[in-house]
């Protein structure tokens, strides 16, 4: 979508967040500025998650949202392609996420990668998610 490999997932998470009863993403997923992967794409697009959320509320088609985000960012198709290529390399072609979400072929590799992701990588950064979520919700009054 617009040559940006992570953008479909980002927009899906934005839509899920906007449709959740409390405006939070369900099933342990983080979204936007609270997600260490999302926020890199958001920075590349020179925007913020509030802008993305407003666009997904307003526009039903992700392709329209993507087009607007890229246009507003001033990024070229070549820049988007280069970003996606570097992004895939940086995140090991998303193998950790693929394993965690059950999209790798079952076997020792998938089990090992999933174990490493859930028991080594993620616990080391959970505190950042909590900190960012607290910061994001600091302006929201609790009932």
Protein backbone atom coordinates (compact mmCIF):
# COMPACT_ATOMS: atom_id res chain seq x y z
CA UNK A 1 0.00 0.00 0.00
CA UNK A 2 1.67 3.17 -1.26
CA UNK A 3 4.87 1.14 -1.37
CA UNK A 4 5.05 1.00 2.44
CA UNK A 5 5.25 -2.53 3.79
CA UNK A 6 4.00 -1.78 7.34
CA UNK A 7 1.23 0.64 6.40
CA UNK A 8 -1.59 -1.94 5.97
CA UNK A 9 -0.93 -3.31 9.44
CA UNK A 10 -0.74 0.19 10.93
CA UNK A 11 -4.07 1.16 9.41
CA UNK A 12 -5.69 -2.10 10.55
CA UNK A 13 -4.51 -1.41 14.10
CA UNK A 14 -5.80 2.18 13.84
CA UNK A 15 -9.23 0.93 12.78
CA UNK A 16 -9.32 -1.67 15.57
CA UNK A 17 -8.32 0.97 18.10
CA UNK A 18 -10.99 3.38 16.92
CA UNK A 19 -13.67 0.68 17.05
CA UNK A 20 -12.79 -0.60 20.52
CA UNK A 21 -15.11 0.50 23.33
CA UNK A 22 -12.43 2.31 25.31
CA UNK A 23 -10.31 3.50 22.39
CA UNK A 24 -7.59 1.01 23.13
CA UNK A 25 -6.26 -1.82 21.06
CA UNK A 26 -7.27 -5.27 22.21
CA UNK A 27 -5.30 -8.51 22.52
CA UNK A 28 -2.12 -6.87 23.77
CA UNK A 29 -1.29 -4.99 20.58
CA UNK A 30 0.05 -1.48 20.81
CA UNK A 31 -0.74 1.15 18.21
CA UNK A 32 0.84 4.26 16.87
CA UNK A 33 3.21 6.26 19.02
CA UNK A 34 3.04 3.48 21.63
CA UNK A 35 4.42 0.84 19.27
CA UNK A 36 8.14 0.78 18.55
CA UNK A 37 7.58 -0.34 14.95
CA UNK A 38 4.55 1.84 14.18
CA UNK A 39 6.23 5.00 15.38
CA UNK A 40 9.08 4.56 12.92
CA UNK A 41 6.68 4.53 9.98
CA UNK A 42 4.73 7.41 11.51
CA UNK A 43 7.95 9.44 11.77
CA UNK A 44 8.83 8.58 8.16
CA UNK A 45 5.40 9.85 7.10
CA UNK A 46 5.94 13.03 9.12
CA UNK A 47 2.65 12.62 10.97
CA UNK A 48 1.26 11.31 14.25
CA UNK A 49 -1.16 8.62 15.34
CA UNK A 50 -3.92 11.13 16.08
CA UNK A 51 -3.88 12.23 12.43
CA UNK A 52 -3.97 8.62 11.25
CA UNK A 53 -6.86 7.84 13.60
CA UNK A 54 -8.81 10.84 12.32
CA UNK A 55 -8.26 9.74 8.71
CA UNK A 56 -9.41 6.16 9.32
CA UNK A 57 -12.54 7.49 11.02
CA UNK A 58 -13.26 9.73 8.06
CA UNK A 59 -12.30 7.47 5.14
CA UNK A 60 -13.49 3.88 4.73
CA UNK A 61 -10.80 2.85 2.20
CA UNK A 62 -7.26 2.26 3.44
CA UNK A 63 -5.94 3.13 -0.02
CA UNK A 64 -7.37 6.64 0.36
CA UNK A 65 -5.82 7.01 3.81
CA UNK A 66 -2.47 5.78 2.50
CA UNK A 67 -2.55 8.14 -0.47
CA UNK A 68 -3.29 11.13 1.77
CA UNK A 69 -0.60 10.21 4.30
CA UNK A 70 2.06 9.86 1.61
CA UNK A 71 0.96 13.05 -0.15
CA UNK A 72 1.03 15.03 3.10
CA UNK A 73 4.44 13.61 3.99
CA UNK A 74 5.95 14.78 0.72
CA UNK A 75 7.66 11.39 0.31
CA UNK A 76 8.31 10.05 -3.18
CA UNK A 77 7.56 6.52 -4.38
CA UNK A 78 11.32 5.86 -4.44
CA UNK A 79 11.67 7.04 -0.84
CA UNK A 80 8.77 4.80 0.21
CA UNK A 81 10.31 1.78 -1.53
CA UNK A 82 13.72 2.43 0.04
CA UNK A 83 12.15 2.86 3.47
CA UNK A 84 10.24 -0.42 3.13
CA UNK A 85 13.34 -2.31 2.05
CA UNK A 86 15.36 -0.97 4.99
CA UNK A 87 12.40 -1.53 7.33
CA UNK A 88 12.15 -5.21 6.35
CA UNK A 89 15.88 -5.68 6.89
CA UNK A 90 15.79 -3.91 10.24
CA UNK A 91 12.98 -6.13 11.53
CA UNK A 92 14.28 -9.38 10.03
CA UNK A 93 11.46 -9.42 7.50
CA UNK A 94 9.05 -9.56 10.46
CA UNK A 95 9.94 -13.20 11.22
CA UNK A 96 9.35 -12.66 14.96
CA UNK A 97 5.85 -11.32 14.38
CA UNK A 98 5.08 -14.01 11.82
CA UNK A 99 6.08 -16.73 14.31
CA UNK A 100 4.21 -15.14 17.21
CA UNK A 101 1.04 -14.82 15.16
CA UNK A 102 1.25 -18.37 13.80
CA UNK A 103 2.10 -17.56 10.19
CA UNK A 104 5.34 -19.57 10.03
CA UNK A 105 5.20 -23.24 9.11
CA UNK A 106 4.96 -25.29 12.32
CA UNK A 107 8.23 -26.81 13.45
CA UNK A 108 11.38 -26.22 15.42
CA UNK A 109 12.23 -22.92 13.68
CA UNK A 110 8.80 -21.42 14.35
CA UNK A 111 8.81 -22.64 17.96
CA UNK A 112 12.31 -21.30 18.60
CA UNK A 113 11.62 -17.92 17.03
CA UNK A 114 8.32 -17.58 18.92
CA UNK A 115 10.02 -18.50 22.20
CA UNK A 116 12.80 -15.94 21.62
CA UNK A 117 10.30 -13.23 20.70
CA UNK A 118 7.96 -13.80 23.64
CA UNK A 119 10.50 -14.70 26.33
CA UNK A 120 13.60 -12.70 25.46
CA UNK A 121 12.80 -9.76 23.18
CA UNK A 122 9.38 -8.62 24.38
CA UNK A 123 9.95 -8.73 28.17
CA UNK A 124 12.93 -6.46 27.65
CA UNK A 125 10.72 -3.75 26.14
CA UNK A 126 7.34 -4.19 27.88
CA UNK A 127 8.26 -1.38 30.28
CA UNK A 128 8.48 0.98 27.30
CA UNK A 129 4.97 0.02 26.19
CA UNK A 130 3.59 0.69 29.68
CA UNK A 131 5.44 4.01 29.93
CA UNK A 132 4.19 5.13 26.52
CA UNK A 133 0.63 4.02 27.25
CA UNK A 134 0.67 5.91 30.56
CA UNK A 135 1.98 8.99 28.77
CA UNK A 136 -0.62 8.67 26.02
CA UNK A 137 -3.47 8.37 28.52
CA UNK A 138 -2.22 10.94 31.03
CA UNK A 139 -4.75 13.47 29.75
CA UNK A 140 -7.69 11.04 29.96
CA UNK A 141 -9.75 11.17 33.13
CA UNK A 142 -10.34 7.80 34.73
CA UNK A 143 -13.92 7.15 35.93
